[in-house]
Amino acid sequence: MSIHKPPDVSPGQDPEDIKQGNDARLPIPEPPGLFPLPLTPFEELMLDEEVDGYPITFYLQLRIRGTVDETTSAFAMRDALSRHPLLACRVEQTRHGAQWVWAGECTPQANMDAEGVATAKPWQQRIDLTRTPGVRIWGEKAAESAVIVFQFHHACCDGIAAAQFLEDFAVGYAFYHDHGGEPDSLTPTIDR
């Protein structure tokens, strides 16, 4: 997975304006007034118990029939991450203890290069929440199918939340693909 600062994109910008080869990125708007957010005792446990060779992560795999559009995926990912904000955060140690901080300028992007994935072996790597957000995505595309693997850090979500995240991603993908939705058409919600 590659993570870097996305290009400047204004609200309502056409998806074709952000397409850059196979790499389309969108910034994720920060939820107002939510961050920095202290870690819960469970989240601290998930970070404290993690050691080399034993990452506190889990995986979900999607097998898709049909073609996967990179730009549509970028919009769907942006919307899904805005609905699951801990997956778009890093952890920083402050004088008040460990806290979640917004990292929406670093959008996780799927690495769909089969050779690159085979070389990098992301499934053998832990997610360092001090450096990157808590989800890593990779896979392989064929002409009429794709396999996409999502690796989640358990401090950011559990299996139920990951399934909800994938549902939000799928709904967003269908919306942008089938209805040609504008980038800001789906309103992110945060329940507290």
Protein backbone atom coordinates (compact mmCIF):
# COMPACT_ATOMS: atom_id res chain seq x y z
CA MET A 1 0.00 0.00 0.00
CA SER A 2 1.27 3.43 -0.77
CA ILE A 3 0.30 6.38 1.39
CA HIS A 4 1.06 9.96 0.50
CA LYS A 5 -0.46 13.42 0.49
CA PRO A 6 -3.24 13.57 -2.11
CA PRO A 7 -3.50 16.25 -4.79
CA ASP A 8 -5.63 19.28 -4.03
CA VAL A 9 -9.23 18.45 -4.90
CA SER A 10 -12.06 20.89 -4.46
CA PRO A 11 -15.53 19.77 -3.31
CA GLY A 12 -17.71 18.68 -6.22
CA GLN A 13 -14.73 18.13 -8.51
CA ASP A 14 -15.34 15.73 -11.39
CA PRO A 15 -13.81 12.26 -10.85
CA GLU A 16 -11.89 12.50 -14.12
CA ASP A 17 -10.08 15.58 -12.77
CA ILE A 18 -8.34 13.50 -10.11
CA LYS A 19 -7.57 10.45 -12.21
CA GLN A 20 -3.80 9.96 -12.41
CA GLY A 21 -3.13 6.74 -14.26
CA ASN A 22 -4.08 3.95 -11.84
CA ASP A 23 -3.68 6.18 -8.79
CA ALA A 24 -6.65 8.35 -7.81
CA ARG A 25 -6.75 9.94 -4.33
CA LEU A 26 -9.09 12.18 -2.47
CA PRO A 27 -8.62 13.98 0.83
CA ILE A 28 -10.91 12.86 3.63
CA PRO A 29 -12.59 15.73 5.49
CA GLU A 30 -11.80 15.79 9.21
CA PRO A 31 -14.82 15.37 11.48
CA PRO A 32 -15.14 18.71 13.30
CA GLY A 33 -14.32 18.69 17.00
CA LEU A 34 -13.57 14.95 17.25
CA PHE A 35 -9.77 14.85 17.34
CA PRO A 36 -7.46 14.49 19.16
CA LEU A 37 -9.28 11.62 20.86
CA PRO A 38 -7.84 9.64 23.80
CA LEU A 39 -7.45 5.90 23.31
CA THR A 40 -9.79 3.64 25.27
CA PRO A 41 -8.27 1.01 27.59
CA PHE A 42 -9.09 -1.68 25.00
CA GLU A 43 -7.33 0.29 22.23
CA GLU A 44 -4.29 0.75 24.50
CA LEU A 45 -4.26 -3.01 25.17
CA MET A 46 -4.31 -3.72 21.43
CA LEU A 47 -1.24 -1.50 20.98
CA ASP A 48 0.59 -2.73 24.10
CA GLU A 49 0.16 -6.42 23.26
CA GLU A 50 1.45 -6.08 19.70
CA VAL A 51 4.96 -7.47 19.19
CA ASP A 52 7.03 -8.25 16.12
CA GLY A 53 5.78 -11.42 14.51
CA TYR A 54 2.39 -11.17 16.23
CA PRO A 55 0.52 -8.19 14.79
CA ILE A 56 -2.89 -7.32 16.17
CA THR A 57 -4.53 -7.24 12.75
CA PHE A 58 -7.12 -9.22 10.84
CA TYR A 59 -8.03 -9.60 7.18
CA LEU A 60 -11.15 -9.57 5.03
CA GLN A 61 -11.02 -10.59 1.40
CA LEU A 62 -13.40 -9.52 -1.36
CA ARG A 63 -13.72 -11.51 -4.59
CA ILE A 64 -15.32 -9.37 -7.27
CA ARG A 65 -16.70 -10.26 -10.69
CA GLY A 66 -16.39 -7.52 -13.27
CA THR A 67 -13.94 -4.67 -13.67
CA VAL A 68 -12.83 -2.38 -10.83
CA ASP A 69 -12.63 1.33 -11.63
CA GLU A 70 -9.83 3.10 -9.72
CA THR A 71 -11.52 6.51 -9.59
CA THR A 72 -14.85 5.09 -8.43
CA SER A 73 -12.95 3.10 -5.79
CA ALA A 74 -11.18 6.27 -4.58
CA PHE A 75 -14.50 8.07 -4.02
CA ALA A 76 -16.04 5.02 -2.33
CA MET A 77 -12.96 4.63 -0.09
CA ARG A 78 -13.05 8.31 0.87
CA ASP A 79 -16.70 8.04 1.88
CA ALA A 80 -16.26 4.77 3.78
CA LEU A 81 -13.26 6.16 5.69
CA SER A 82 -15.18 9.33 6.58
CA ARG A 83 -17.85 7.10 8.17
CA HIS A 84 -15.23 5.08 10.10
CA PRO A 85 -12.83 7.80 11.28
CA LEU A 86 -10.45 5.66 13.38
CA LEU A 87 -9.40 3.92 10.16
CA ALA A 88 -8.21 7.33 8.91
CA CYS A 89 -6.19 8.12 12.06
CA ARG A 90 -2.73 7.65 13.47
CA VAL A 91 -1.76 7.38 17.14
CA GLU A 92 0.47 10.03 18.72
CA GLN A 93 1.94 10.03 22.19
CA THR A 94 1.17 13.35 23.91
CA ARG A 95 1.58 14.65 27.45
CA HIS A 96 -2.01 13.48 27.96
CA GLY A 97 -1.18 9.94 26.83
CA ALA A 98 -1.76 8.19 23.52
CA GLN A 99 -4.34 9.90 21.33
CA TRP A 100 -5.94 9.35 17.94
CA VAL A 101 -5.03 12.16 15.53
CA TRP A 102 -6.50 12.80 12.10
CA ALA A 103 -4.50 11.50 9.15
CA GLY A 104 -7.10 12.13 6.44
CA GLU A 105 -4.45 13.77 4.29
CA CYS A 106 -2.89 10.28 3.98
CA THR A 107 -5.44 8.25 2.09
CA PRO A 108 -4.94 4.49 2.09
CA GLN A 109 -4.90 3.37 -1.53
CA ALA A 110 -5.19 -0.19 -2.77
CA ASN A 111 -2.03 -1.67 -4.21
CA MET A 112 -3.37 -3.72 -7.13
CA ASP A 113 0.04 -4.46 -8.67
CA ALA A 114 0.33 -8.25 -8.30
CA GLU A 115 4.13 -8.26 -8.71
CA GLY A 116 4.57 -5.41 -6.24
CA VAL A 117 2.33 -7.13 -3.71
CA ALA A 118 4.23 -10.40 -4.08
CA THR A 119 7.49 -8.55 -3.44
CA ALA A 120 6.24 -6.37 -0.54
CA LYS A 121 4.31 -9.21 1.18
CA PRO A 122 1.98 -6.85 3.09
CA TRP A 123 0.34 -9.79 4.87
CA GLN A 124 3.63 -10.27 6.77
CA GLN A 125 3.85 -6.65 7.88
CA ARG A 126 2.29 -5.05 10.91
CA ILE A 127 0.41 -1.76 10.64
CA ASP A 128 2.36 0.88 12.55
CA LEU A 129 -0.36 3.24 13.77
CA THR A 130 2.23 5.87 14.68
CA ARG A 131 3.02 6.21 10.96
CA THR A 132 -0.02 5.12 8.96
CA PRO A 133 -3.80 4.78 9.28
CA GLY A 134 -5.24 1.48 10.50
CA VAL A 135 -6.22 -0.13 7.21
CA ARG A 136 -4.01 -1.54 4.44
CA ILE A 137 -5.45 -2.65 1.09
CA TRP A 138 -3.97 -4.77 -1.67
CA GLY A 139 -5.11 -7.17 -4.32
CA GLU A 140 -5.03 -8.30 -7.88
CA LYS A 141 -7.10 -7.29 -10.89
CA ALA A 142 -7.87 -9.37 -13.93
CA ALA A 143 -9.90 -8.36 -16.98
CA GLU A 144 -13.22 -9.47 -15.50
CA SER A 145 -12.50 -10.05 -11.81
CA ALA A 146 -10.56 -8.82 -8.82
CA VAL A 147 -9.50 -9.96 -5.37
CA ILE A 148 -9.09 -7.20 -2.78
CA VAL A 149 -7.69 -7.84 0.70
CA PHE A 150 -8.29 -5.41 3.56
CA GLN A 151 -5.98 -5.63 6.59
CA PHE A 152 -7.39 -3.88 9.67
CA HIS A 153 -5.61 -3.00 12.91
CA HIS A 154 -7.73 -4.30 15.76
CA ALA A 155 -7.25 -1.07 17.76
CA CYS A 156 -9.25 0.72 15.04
CA CYS A 157 -12.15 -1.68 14.64
CA ASP A 158 -13.44 -5.17 15.25
CA GLY A 159 -14.89 -7.65 12.77
CA ILE A 160 -18.40 -6.18 12.89
CA ALA A 161 -17.11 -2.65 12.24
CA ALA A 162 -14.91 -3.97 9.41
CA ALA A 163 -17.95 -5.60 7.80
CA GLN A 164 -19.83 -2.29 8.15
CA PHE A 165 -16.86 -0.49 6.58
CA LEU A 166 -16.90 -2.88 3.60
CA GLU A 167 -20.65 -2.39 3.29
CA ASP A 168 -20.16 1.40 3.20
CA PHE A 169 -17.41 0.95 0.60
CA ALA A 170 -19.67 -1.27 -1.55
CA VAL A 171 -22.64 1.12 -1.27
CA GLY A 172 -20.41 4.07 -2.19
CA TYR A 173 -18.90 2.19 -5.11
CA ALA A 174 -22.34 1.24 -6.45
CA PHE A 175 -23.58 4.80 -6.00
CA TYR A 176 -20.68 6.43 -7.86
CA HIS A 177 -20.59 3.74 -10.53
CA ASP A 178 -24.31 3.34 -11.24
CA HIS A 179 -25.57 6.86 -10.65
CA GLY A 180 -22.56 8.99 -11.56
CA GLY A 181 -22.81 10.61 -8.13
CA GLU A 182 -21.06 13.82 -7.28
CA PRO A 183 -18.18 13.41 -4.81
CA ASP A 184 -20.06 15.13 -1.98
CA SER A 185 -23.42 13.44 -2.63
CA LEU A 186 -23.15 10.94 0.22
CA THR A 187 -23.05 12.66 3.59
CA PRO A 188 -20.69 11.12 6.12
CA THR A 189 -22.19 10.44 9.53
CA ILE A 190 -20.48 9.95 12.84
CA ASP A 191 -22.52 8.51 15.68
CA ARG A 192 -21.16 9.24 19.15
